[in-house]
Structures are given as structure tokens and as C-alpha cells.
Amino acid sequence: MRRLSGLLLIAVLIALAIPMVATNAQNQGCPNKSSYYVASLNADIDPGTADFMASTVSNAESLCAGHIVFVLVTNGGDGASMESMISSIESYQEWGGNFSTVIAPQGGYAFSAGSYIAESSNDIYMEPGTTIGSATPIVSGIPTGEENTTMTKDINAFASYMMTLTQSNGRNATATGLMVTNGVSYPDDQALGENVINGVINSTTVQGALDYLGVPANTPINTPGIRSSLISVLSNPNVSSLLFLLGVFAVLFDIYHPTIILSVVGVAVIVAALFGFGVFGASPLAVILMIIGAAFIFLEVKTAHGISATVGVVIFIIGFLLVYQFPPAATGSSPTSTPPPTGTFQGIPDITYGLIAALGITIVIGSIYLRSIRDALKKRPKVNEPTVLIGREGRMESDLRAGERGVAMVASEEWSVTSSQDLLRGDSIRVKGVTGQTLAVEKVEQ
């Protein structure tokens, strides 16, 4: 028993020592973490901003910056990206860094998903005339008859999540819980009085806030780069869906009027759209329906009257609407918070329906128009079709022995010709037949 107790004691000590060793190993390369890293975000929360947060934390750690000051203005966004950003913040805090959120400049705000991100910070500061709150989620895909139950359950889950984030950083969880359950928003002075934030900065500019926090004057303010911005653009369901339809239309147009360039551009646009669907987590069913819709649009090449194109657009729109039924956010525990609930903070904007309908109608009408052009072109004789030259006259450009081949100018073009009689250069000739691309000619007596 003594040996067993001794072994258990040693195992416990080793288990306790491992995190300390790992932390020391992490900090060995950064003996001094007194420097600052400043990042600024004025955008909706989406996969692009999540990428920006991840790169912000990574860059700060690589520079041994022990303080991140995150200047935030946002209306909110999707829940999965919010969770990813909070995970990056918590990772930085585990590394030993201090993460501060500043809502600035004057007139700025951190609504919806932005308020969760702020409350996951070690410190929150606001400038006069700024606001935080209104964090009630938009719950989509609720089964019929379960609206009240599901909505209540999800709102309570988000409230608990918000309160846990707030408590872990020593602020008033009850007040932040009301942001979720009642959609409450707090102006700067009230937020400070309710202990929702850590302080109000007496300034109206971003630089004034940074000076107040002791950030050196020469510290650069980092903003989302090209990669993050591109991800943000493509992760917008409206943009990706419109790009998909535009790509389909470009390829369809190229089928009617071959140029190759349009097909390459169309395929590239479709690939970019599919990348966007993957970034924001569109369901496989939605993407499959869009692809099926595109296939029906392409079938318009073989059918008539726009029926196939209309069916394709309808199927595509159904798939598009399903894009907004985001899958549940990935769950998982973290040292400072409970597993985040499922849901999103983003609904379908009204303008989306109009844009998709307009583009769908354009594709249907455009496909009918392109088909009518193609049919008209089919009825016209081809410019380089030799049979249209029968009966036309021309002039020999070379001497020609009977049964052999020579060259003649007919309809302003040089043609390979043959004849049953000898011809001399300059003789007038008439086309009497065609074999392949060779004209059979005879001499025209002057």
C-alpha cells in the first residue's frame, strides 16, 4: 500500500508539473512580454475576421508582444466565426498575454457577436458615445411547432455562455446576461456603472485611446490583409451565390459563342464561389442543389423555350436559401468558458431575395436570347463554306495543267483549284463544283 501510495503521489506530481513545464517551454523564447500589438477591426464578424484574429494572435506571439489592444467596431455576425475568434483570444491568454478590447472611436459599437468577443477579453474599454450589447442570437432551422421551446433553449444557452465569459474576467455576468435574454445595450457610462466594462477613456479618437493605455506612439495599427479581406468577401453567402450563377452564365454564354476565355473565367468564378461556400460552412445539400440547378441551366443548350433554365434557377434558389441554414457551431470545452451553444447572429438580408431573383430572371431570358442568336446563326451560310462559291467567278493566280491543282482568287480569297482543261495565270474562271476544300473550275471565255 505504501508503494502504491508513493507511485500515485509521484504520478500526481508529474501530472501537475507537465503544464508548468509546457508553459515554461512556451515562454523561454519570450523572457520579456512588455511590448504591444495593436489590431483594428471595423467589419461584420465572419470567417475573414476570424482569420484576421488568428493572424493577430500568431503575429503578437511571434513578436513576443504580451499585450494585444484590439480596437473593435462591429454589428455582429455569424456564431461559428465568433467562436473561432474567442478561441484565438483564449489561446493568447493561455500563452500569457493580456488581451484588451477598445470600442472606439466615438460613435463606435460592439453589438451581437461583437459583445461576446469583447467580454472574452481581459479588459474592455469604451470611449464616450460608444455602445455595447444587443446580443440575442438569430436561431434558424427551427422545426414547426417547436419555435418557442427551441428559441428559449438557445437564448438561455447563449446567456449562460456570455455570463461565463464575463465571470471569468471579473465583470458583472448578470448585466451581460441581459444583453442576450432582453437584447439590452449599454452606452459607455452605463456599461461602466454596471461593471460590464473596465473603464471609459476620455477621448474621441483611436489614437487617444491607445495613448491612454500606454501604447507607444510608433506602434503600428494592423488591419485585415488581402487574404482575410478576400475570405470575408467570398464567405458572404450573397457574394458566393451570385458568383456561382455568374460563372454558370459565363460558361453557358461560351457554349453558344465559343471563346475559351469566358469558359476559363466562368470556371474560375465557380471555383471561388465553391470555396466561399466551404468557408462559411454551407450544408452539402445546399451546394448539391446549386450544382443540380446549374446542370439544368446547361441543359438549355439542348432544350428550348427556357424551360430547363427556369427549372435550374428555381432549384438553385432553393439551394441558396438552404445556405443560410448554418450547421451547428463546433462544440468543445476551453479553460475559461463552457462549450458555446449552437446558432448564428446572421439572417438573410431582404436585398438578397431581390438580387437572386433578378439574376435568375436574367439567366433565363439570357439563355433564351443566346439560343435564338445561335439558331439564327445556324441558318446563315458559313463564310468559309466552299459550296457558296459555286457559280462565282474569279481569276487564276497560277498556271494549271488539266487534272492538276493550281491557285485562283475567288471572292477575295485564294483557293486551291482543279480543272479538266489547261489554264494560264490571269485567265478568268468560274466555279462549277466543290470537292472538300478544292474548287472545280472552268475557263470563262471573254
Protein backbone atom coordinates (compact mmCIF):
# COMPACT_ATOMS: atom_id res chain seq x y z
CA MET A 1 0.00 0.00 0.00
CA ARG A 2 2.85 2.38 0.80
CA ARG A 3 4.45 1.67 -2.56
CA LEU A 4 1.12 2.16 -4.33
CA SER A 5 0.51 5.41 -2.45
CA GLY A 6 4.00 6.57 -3.32
CA LEU A 7 3.52 5.79 -7.00
CA LEU A 8 0.19 7.62 -7.04
CA LEU A 9 1.79 10.64 -5.37
CA ILE A 10 4.59 10.68 -7.96
CA ALA A 11 2.03 10.39 -10.80
CA VAL A 12 0.05 13.31 -9.41
CA LEU A 13 3.17 15.45 -9.10
CA ILE A 14 4.19 14.63 -12.68
CA ALA A 15 0.70 15.48 -13.93
CA LEU A 16 0.83 18.82 -12.14
CA ALA A 17 4.33 19.55 -13.40
CA ILE A 18 3.62 18.86 -17.11
CA PRO A 19 1.54 22.06 -17.70
CA MET A 20 4.17 24.11 -15.85
CA VAL A 21 6.94 22.63 -17.99
CA ALA A 22 4.92 23.26 -21.16
CA THR A 23 4.26 26.87 -20.11
CA ASN A 24 7.91 27.42 -19.31
CA ALA A 25 8.88 25.95 -22.67
CA GLN A 26 6.46 28.30 -24.40
CA ASN A 27 7.82 31.33 -22.55
CA GLN A 28 11.53 30.50 -22.89
CA GLY A 29 11.73 32.33 -26.21
CA CYS A 30 9.94 35.42 -24.79
CA PRO A 31 11.54 36.44 -21.49
CA ASN A 32 10.06 39.94 -21.88
CA LYS A 33 6.42 40.40 -22.90
CA SER A 34 6.07 44.11 -22.24
CA SER A 35 5.52 45.22 -25.86
CA TYR A 36 2.17 45.97 -27.51
CA TYR A 37 0.48 44.69 -30.65
CA VAL A 38 -2.45 46.77 -31.95
CA ALA A 39 -5.12 45.50 -34.33
CA SER A 40 -8.22 47.29 -35.58
CA LEU A 41 -11.41 45.77 -36.98
CA ASN A 42 -14.41 47.66 -38.34
CA ALA A 43 -16.46 44.94 -40.02
CA ASP A 44 -19.04 42.21 -39.51
CA ILE A 45 -17.87 39.02 -37.84
CA ASP A 46 -17.26 36.37 -40.50
CA PRO A 47 -14.61 33.79 -41.48
CA GLY A 48 -12.39 36.58 -42.81
CA THR A 49 -12.35 38.41 -39.48
CA ALA A 50 -11.78 35.09 -37.71
CA ASP A 51 -8.71 34.62 -39.91
CA PHE A 52 -7.62 38.15 -39.02
CA MET A 53 -7.93 37.41 -35.29
CA ALA A 54 -5.93 34.18 -35.65
CA SER A 55 -3.16 36.01 -37.54
CA THR A 56 -3.23 38.83 -34.95
CA VAL A 57 -2.61 36.38 -32.10
CA SER A 58 0.02 34.49 -34.08
CA ASN A 59 1.88 37.66 -35.01
CA ALA A 60 1.74 39.00 -31.45
CA GLU A 61 3.16 35.77 -30.05
CA SER A 62 5.92 35.62 -32.68
CA LEU A 63 6.90 39.21 -31.72
CA CYS A 64 6.71 38.36 -28.00
CA ALA A 65 4.07 41.07 -27.56
CA GLY A 66 2.45 40.47 -24.18
CA HIS A 67 -0.35 42.98 -24.78
CA ILE A 68 -2.85 42.97 -27.63
CA VAL A 69 -5.07 46.03 -27.96
CA PHE A 70 -7.98 45.19 -30.24
CA VAL A 71 -9.93 48.22 -31.50
CA LEU A 72 -13.40 46.95 -32.38
CA VAL A 73 -16.45 48.30 -34.20
CA THR A 74 -18.94 45.68 -35.41
CA ASN A 75 -22.64 44.97 -35.87
CA GLY A 76 -22.03 41.27 -35.16
CA GLY A 77 -22.01 38.29 -37.49
CA ASP A 78 -22.08 34.51 -37.53
CA GLY A 79 -21.67 32.36 -34.43
CA ALA A 80 -19.02 29.97 -35.75
CA SER A 81 -16.64 32.82 -36.59
CA MET A 82 -17.34 34.41 -33.20
CA GLU A 83 -16.41 31.15 -31.51
CA SER A 84 -13.21 30.92 -33.55
CA MET A 85 -12.20 34.45 -32.56
CA ILE A 86 -12.88 33.79 -28.88
CA SER A 87 -10.83 30.59 -29.14
CA SER A 88 -7.90 32.62 -30.54
CA ILE A 89 -8.21 35.11 -27.67
CA GLU A 90 -8.23 32.34 -25.08
CA SER A 91 -5.20 30.75 -26.74
CA TYR A 92 -3.35 34.05 -26.40
CA GLN A 93 -4.38 34.34 -22.76
CA GLU A 94 -3.07 30.81 -22.08
CA TRP A 95 0.21 31.86 -23.69
CA GLY A 96 0.40 34.54 -21.02
CA GLY A 97 -0.74 37.58 -22.97
CA ASN A 98 -3.19 40.24 -21.89
CA PHE A 99 -5.97 40.92 -24.40
CA SER A 100 -7.78 44.27 -24.26
CA THR A 101 -10.74 45.31 -26.41
CA VAL A 102 -11.32 49.00 -27.07
CA ILE A 103 -14.62 50.17 -28.57
CA ALA A 104 -13.58 53.28 -30.47
CA PRO A 105 -13.72 55.87 -31.94
CA GLN A 106 -16.64 57.96 -30.71
CA GLY A 107 -19.87 56.55 -32.18
CA GLY A 108 -18.44 53.03 -32.31
CA TYR A 109 -20.27 49.92 -31.10
CA ALA A 110 -19.83 46.21 -30.39
CA PHE A 111 -23.20 44.57 -30.98
CA SER A 112 -24.31 40.97 -31.12
CA ALA A 113 -21.35 38.60 -31.69
CA GLY A 114 -19.01 41.54 -31.08
CA SER A 115 -20.15 41.82 -27.46
CA TYR A 116 -19.20 38.17 -26.79
CA ILE A 117 -15.74 38.80 -28.27
CA ALA A 118 -15.33 41.87 -26.08
CA GLU A 119 -16.42 40.03 -22.93
CA SER A 120 -13.87 37.27 -23.59
CA SER A 121 -11.12 39.92 -23.22
CA ASN A 122 -9.15 40.53 -20.05
CA ASP A 123 -10.10 44.21 -20.20
CA ILE A 124 -12.73 46.24 -22.07
CA TYR A 125 -12.53 49.99 -22.59
CA MET A 126 -15.04 52.29 -24.28
CA GLU A 127 -14.88 55.86 -25.46
CA PRO A 128 -17.70 58.36 -24.84
CA GLY A 129 -20.55 57.90 -27.30
CA THR A 130 -19.94 54.17 -27.84
CA THR A 131 -22.26 51.21 -27.12
CA ILE A 132 -22.02 47.51 -26.29
CA GLY A 133 -24.71 44.81 -26.16
CA SER A 134 -27.78 43.59 -28.08
CA ALA A 135 -26.51 40.01 -28.20
CA THR A 136 -29.68 37.98 -28.80
CA PRO A 137 -28.95 35.29 -31.42
CA ILE A 138 -30.92 34.60 -34.58
CA VAL A 139 -31.95 30.96 -34.44
CA SER A 140 -32.74 29.38 -37.82
CA GLY A 141 -33.98 25.99 -38.95
CA ILE A 142 -36.41 25.51 -36.04
CA PRO A 143 -38.88 22.64 -36.61
CA THR A 144 -42.51 23.71 -36.97
CA GLY A 145 -44.30 23.72 -33.65
CA GLU A 146 -41.10 23.99 -31.62
CA GLU A 147 -40.40 27.69 -32.16
CA ASN A 148 -40.92 28.88 -28.58
CA THR A 149 -39.20 25.93 -26.92
CA THR A 150 -36.16 25.96 -29.19
CA MET A 151 -35.79 29.73 -29.13
CA THR A 152 -35.96 29.82 -25.34
CA LYS A 153 -33.44 26.98 -25.03
CA ASP A 154 -30.95 28.59 -27.41
CA ILE A 155 -31.25 32.05 -25.87
CA ASN A 156 -30.71 30.60 -22.39
CA ALA A 157 -27.66 28.71 -23.68
CA PHE A 158 -26.16 31.86 -25.18
CA ALA A 159 -26.93 33.79 -22.00
CA SER A 160 -25.09 31.18 -19.95
CA TYR A 161 -22.16 31.33 -22.38
CA MET A 162 -22.00 35.12 -22.16
CA MET A 163 -22.18 35.07 -18.38
CA THR A 164 -19.37 32.51 -18.18
CA LEU A 165 -17.14 34.64 -20.39
CA THR A 166 -17.88 37.71 -18.27
CA GLN A 167 -17.36 35.99 -14.91
CA SER A 168 -14.02 34.55 -15.97
CA ASN A 169 -12.77 38.12 -16.47
CA GLY A 170 -14.20 39.55 -13.24
CA ARG A 171 -17.10 41.58 -14.60
CA ASN A 172 -20.86 41.65 -13.97
CA ALA A 173 -22.34 38.50 -15.51
CA THR A 174 -25.91 39.39 -14.59
CA ALA A 175 -25.78 42.61 -16.63
CA THR A 176 -24.22 40.90 -19.67
CA GLY A 177 -26.78 38.10 -19.45
CA LEU A 178 -29.47 40.71 -20.08
CA MET A 179 -27.71 41.57 -23.36
CA VAL A 180 -28.76 38.12 -24.55
CA THR A 181 -32.11 37.48 -22.90
CA ASN A 182 -33.54 41.01 -23.26
CA GLY A 183 -31.35 42.42 -26.05
CA VAL A 184 -30.10 45.17 -23.72
CA SER A 185 -27.42 47.59 -24.94
CA TYR A 186 -25.28 49.74 -22.63
CA PRO A 187 -23.81 53.15 -23.51
CA ASP A 188 -20.32 53.81 -22.18
CA ASP A 189 -21.23 55.39 -18.82
CA GLN A 190 -23.92 52.81 -18.02
CA ALA A 191 -21.65 49.94 -19.08
CA LEU A 192 -19.04 51.18 -16.61
CA GLY A 193 -21.63 51.62 -13.85
CA GLU A 194 -22.91 48.06 -14.38
CA ASN A 195 -19.34 46.71 -14.40
CA VAL A 196 -19.80 45.40 -17.92
CA ILE A 197 -16.50 47.03 -18.92
CA ASN A 198 -13.31 48.03 -17.13
CA GLY A 199 -13.16 51.70 -17.96
CA VAL A 200 -14.18 54.68 -20.08
CA ILE A 201 -11.41 56.51 -21.91
CA ASN A 202 -11.78 60.28 -22.07
CA SER A 203 -11.02 60.56 -25.78
CA THR A 204 -12.89 60.51 -29.06
CA THR A 205 -10.18 59.03 -31.30
CA VAL A 206 -8.43 55.69 -31.64
CA GLN A 207 -5.00 57.24 -31.13
CA GLY A 208 -6.23 58.93 -27.97
CA ALA A 209 -7.37 55.58 -26.61
CA LEU A 210 -4.01 53.98 -27.42
CA ASP A 211 -2.16 56.83 -25.70
CA TYR A 212 -4.36 56.38 -22.61
CA LEU A 213 -3.49 52.67 -22.47
CA GLY A 214 0.23 53.38 -22.68
CA VAL A 215 0.77 52.08 -26.18
CA PRO A 216 3.99 53.56 -27.63
CA ALA A 217 3.31 56.25 -30.23
CA ASN A 218 5.18 54.43 -33.00
CA THR A 219 3.21 51.18 -32.63
CA PRO A 220 1.55 50.31 -35.98
CA ILE A 221 -2.18 49.64 -36.14
CA ASN A 222 -2.76 46.38 -38.04
CA THR A 223 -5.88 45.89 -40.15
CA PRO A 224 -7.17 42.87 -42.13
CA GLY A 225 -4.85 41.99 -45.01
CA ILE A 226 -5.68 40.85 -48.53
CA ARG A 227 -6.18 37.22 -47.52
CA SER A 228 -8.57 38.00 -44.68
CA SER A 229 -10.45 40.52 -46.81
CA LEU A 230 -10.80 38.02 -49.67
CA ILE A 231 -12.08 35.37 -47.28
CA SER A 232 -14.61 37.88 -45.94
CA VAL A 233 -15.84 38.67 -49.44
CA LEU A 234 -16.13 35.03 -50.53
CA SER A 235 -17.65 33.94 -47.22
CA ASN A 236 -20.62 36.24 -47.79
CA PRO A 237 -23.42 33.88 -48.93
CA ASN A 238 -24.81 36.59 -51.21
CA VAL A 239 -21.48 37.11 -52.98
CA SER A 240 -20.68 33.40 -53.35
CA SER A 241 -24.13 32.58 -54.68
CA LEU A 242 -24.07 35.43 -57.18
CA LEU A 243 -20.56 34.46 -58.28
CA PHE A 244 -21.75 30.88 -58.79
CA LEU A 245 -24.61 31.99 -61.03
CA LEU A 246 -22.38 34.42 -62.93
CA GLY A 247 -19.83 31.67 -63.51
CA VAL A 248 -22.55 29.36 -64.82
CA PHE A 249 -23.83 32.07 -67.15
CA ALA A 250 -20.30 32.81 -68.43
CA VAL A 251 -19.76 29.14 -69.33
CA LEU A 252 -23.24 28.96 -70.87
CA PHE A 253 -22.53 32.04 -72.98
CA ASP A 254 -19.26 30.49 -74.14
CA ILE A 255 -21.11 27.36 -75.27
CA TYR A 256 -23.21 29.50 -77.59
CA HIS A 257 -20.33 31.75 -78.63
CA PRO A 258 -17.05 29.83 -78.14
CA THR A 259 -14.13 31.96 -76.96
CA ILE A 260 -12.49 29.67 -74.36
CA ILE A 261 -11.61 32.76 -72.31
CA LEU A 262 -15.16 33.05 -70.94
CA SER A 263 -15.17 29.36 -70.02
CA VAL A 264 -11.89 29.73 -68.11
CA VAL A 265 -13.17 32.82 -66.31
CA GLY A 266 -16.51 31.13 -65.59
CA VAL A 267 -14.88 28.02 -64.14
CA ALA A 268 -12.54 30.16 -62.01
CA VAL A 269 -15.50 32.13 -60.65
CA ILE A 270 -17.42 28.92 -59.87
CA VAL A 271 -14.38 27.51 -58.01
CA ALA A 272 -14.10 30.75 -55.99
CA ALA A 273 -17.81 30.51 -55.15
CA LEU A 274 -17.47 26.88 -54.02
CA PHE A 275 -14.52 27.92 -51.85
CA GLY A 276 -16.74 30.58 -50.30
CA PHE A 277 -19.47 28.01 -49.61
CA GLY A 278 -16.93 25.86 -47.81
CA VAL A 279 -15.54 28.76 -45.79
CA PHE A 280 -18.82 29.76 -44.18
CA GLY A 281 -19.99 26.17 -43.76
CA ALA A 282 -22.81 25.82 -46.28
CA SER A 283 -24.54 22.48 -45.94
CA PRO A 284 -23.65 19.83 -48.58
CA LEU A 285 -27.33 19.62 -49.55
CA ALA A 286 -27.38 23.33 -50.43
CA VAL A 287 -24.27 23.04 -52.61
CA ILE A 288 -25.58 19.90 -54.33
CA LEU A 289 -28.86 21.63 -55.16
CA MET A 290 -26.97 24.57 -56.64
CA ILE A 291 -24.90 22.23 -58.81
CA ILE A 292 -28.06 20.42 -59.96
CA GLY A 293 -29.60 23.79 -60.77
CA ALA A 294 -26.52 24.70 -62.82
CA ALA A 295 -26.80 21.39 -64.72
CA PHE A 296 -30.40 22.19 -65.68
CA ILE A 297 -29.31 25.64 -66.85
CA PHE A 298 -26.70 24.00 -69.09
CA LEU A 299 -29.38 21.65 -70.46
CA GLU A 300 -30.96 24.72 -72.02
CA VAL A 301 -28.43 24.19 -74.81
CA LYS A 302 -30.37 21.08 -75.84
CA THR A 303 -33.90 22.14 -74.92
CA ALA A 304 -35.94 25.14 -75.97
CA HIS A 305 -38.15 27.96 -74.69
CA GLY A 306 -36.18 28.44 -71.46
CA ILE A 307 -37.97 25.67 -69.55
CA SER A 308 -34.78 23.90 -68.48
CA ALA A 309 -33.13 27.19 -67.48
CA THR A 310 -36.19 28.18 -65.41
CA VAL A 311 -36.21 24.83 -63.57
CA GLY A 312 -32.47 25.19 -62.96
CA VAL A 313 -32.83 28.68 -61.48
CA VAL A 314 -35.66 27.53 -59.18
CA ILE A 315 -33.57 24.60 -57.89
CA PHE A 316 -30.62 26.91 -57.46
CA ILE A 317 -32.62 29.41 -55.40
CA ILE A 318 -33.87 26.61 -53.12
CA GLY A 319 -30.26 25.57 -52.56
CA PHE A 320 -29.28 29.17 -51.95
CA LEU A 321 -31.92 29.62 -49.25
CA LEU A 322 -30.60 26.48 -47.55
CA VAL A 323 -27.15 28.08 -47.46
CA TYR A 324 -28.37 30.28 -44.63
CA GLN A 325 -29.31 27.24 -42.55
CA PHE A 326 -25.88 27.16 -40.97
CA PRO A 327 -24.80 23.90 -39.32
CA PRO A 328 -24.25 23.92 -35.54
CA ALA A 329 -21.04 25.54 -34.43
CA ALA A 330 -18.36 23.09 -33.32
CA THR A 331 -18.51 22.48 -29.59
CA GLY A 332 -15.62 21.97 -27.26
CA SER A 333 -14.51 22.99 -23.81
CA SER A 334 -11.90 25.60 -23.01
CA PRO A 335 -10.20 26.60 -19.78
CA THR A 336 -12.23 29.77 -19.32
CA SER A 337 -15.61 29.05 -20.83
CA THR A 338 -18.34 26.49 -21.24
CA PRO A 339 -18.90 24.93 -24.66
CA PRO A 340 -20.53 27.57 -26.87
CA PRO A 341 -24.13 26.94 -27.90
CA THR A 342 -25.27 26.47 -31.46
CA GLY A 343 -26.73 29.21 -33.60
CA THR A 344 -25.86 32.29 -35.56
CA PHE A 345 -26.20 36.07 -35.43
CA GLN A 346 -26.87 36.49 -39.14
CA GLY A 347 -30.13 36.32 -41.10
CA ILE A 348 -31.00 36.63 -44.78
CA PRO A 349 -30.98 40.31 -45.80
CA ASP A 350 -34.04 41.45 -47.74
CA ILE A 351 -31.90 42.64 -50.63
CA THR A 352 -30.68 39.08 -51.16
CA TYR A 353 -34.04 37.86 -52.42
CA GLY A 354 -34.20 40.67 -54.95
CA LEU A 355 -30.66 40.10 -56.20
CA ILE A 356 -31.10 36.35 -56.66
CA ALA A 357 -34.48 36.78 -58.35
CA ALA A 358 -33.10 39.43 -60.71
CA LEU A 359 -30.09 37.35 -61.65
CA GLY A 360 -32.22 34.24 -62.07
CA ILE A 361 -34.60 36.04 -64.45
CA THR A 362 -31.61 37.43 -66.32
CA ILE A 363 -30.19 33.95 -66.81
CA VAL A 364 -33.49 32.57 -68.11
CA ILE A 365 -34.01 35.46 -70.53
CA GLY A 366 -30.34 35.47 -71.47
CA SER A 367 -30.31 31.75 -72.24
CA ILE A 368 -33.39 32.13 -74.48
CA TYR A 369 -31.79 35.10 -76.22
CA LEU A 370 -28.50 33.28 -76.77
CA ARG A 371 -30.33 30.28 -78.17
CA SER A 372 -32.26 32.47 -80.62
CA ILE A 373 -28.97 34.00 -81.77
CA ARG A 374 -27.46 30.56 -82.19
CA ASP A 375 -30.43 29.33 -84.24
CA ALA A 376 -30.23 32.41 -86.47
CA LEU A 377 -26.51 31.88 -87.00
CA LYS A 378 -27.10 28.24 -87.91
CA LYS A 379 -29.41 29.30 -90.73
CA ARG A 380 -26.82 31.65 -92.22
CA PRO A 381 -24.32 30.13 -94.63
CA LYS A 382 -20.82 29.88 -93.28
CA VAL A 383 -18.39 32.42 -94.61
CA ASN A 384 -15.73 29.79 -95.29
CA GLU A 385 -18.16 27.21 -96.72
CA PRO A 386 -16.87 26.49 -100.27
CA THR A 387 -20.28 25.46 -101.66
CA VAL A 388 -21.48 29.07 -101.54
CA LEU A 389 -18.86 29.86 -104.19
CA ILE A 390 -20.46 27.69 -106.91
CA GLY A 391 -21.23 29.95 -109.85
CA ARG A 392 -18.88 32.68 -108.66
CA GLU A 393 -16.17 33.94 -111.00
CA GLY A 394 -12.53 34.58 -110.25
CA ARG A 395 -9.04 34.77 -111.71
CA MET A 396 -6.20 32.26 -111.90
CA GLU A 397 -3.17 33.15 -109.80
CA SER A 398 -1.00 30.41 -111.26
CA ASP A 399 -0.74 28.23 -114.36
CA LEU A 400 -2.73 24.97 -114.18
CA ARG A 401 -2.41 21.79 -116.21
CA ALA A 402 -5.57 19.73 -116.71
CA GLY A 403 -6.13 17.31 -113.82
CA GLU A 404 -3.61 19.03 -111.57
CA ARG A 405 -4.02 21.73 -108.93
CA GLY A 406 -3.39 25.43 -109.04
CA VAL A 407 -4.33 28.61 -107.17
CA ALA A 408 -7.15 31.00 -108.03
CA MET A 409 -8.56 34.14 -106.43
CA VAL A 410 -12.31 33.77 -105.78
CA ALA A 411 -14.38 36.09 -103.59
CA SER A 412 -11.21 37.94 -102.49
CA GLU A 413 -9.64 34.72 -101.17
CA GLU A 414 -7.08 32.32 -102.61
CA TRP A 415 -8.39 28.78 -103.18
CA SER A 416 -6.88 25.52 -104.33
CA VAL A 417 -8.49 24.73 -107.71
CA THR A 418 -8.52 21.96 -110.30
CA SER A 419 -9.83 21.83 -113.84
CA SER A 420 -10.29 19.47 -116.78
CA GLN A 421 -8.58 21.96 -119.06
CA ASP A 422 -5.29 23.83 -119.12
CA LEU A 423 -5.44 27.30 -117.61
CA LEU A 424 -2.98 30.15 -117.58
CA ARG A 425 -2.31 32.72 -114.88
CA GLY A 426 -4.71 35.64 -115.35
CA ASP A 427 -7.43 33.56 -117.02
CA SER A 428 -10.97 34.25 -115.85
CA ILE A 429 -12.60 31.19 -114.31
CA ARG A 430 -15.99 30.13 -112.91
CA VAL A 431 -16.56 27.68 -110.01
CA LYS A 432 -18.68 24.73 -111.11
CA GLY A 433 -18.20 22.34 -108.19
CA VAL A 434 -16.51 21.66 -104.85
CA THR A 435 -14.61 18.65 -103.55
CA GLY A 436 -13.64 19.15 -99.92
CA GLN A 437 -11.78 22.46 -99.88
CA THR A 438 -10.81 22.28 -103.56
CA LEU A 439 -12.81 24.15 -106.19
CA ALA A 440 -13.51 22.65 -109.61
CA VAL A 441 -13.32 25.48 -112.16
CA GLU A 442 -13.71 26.13 -115.85
CA LYS A 443 -12.44 28.87 -118.12
CA VAL A 444 -14.73 31.78 -118.83
CA GLU A 445 -14.40 32.92 -122.42
CA GLN A 446 -14.18 36.70 -122.74
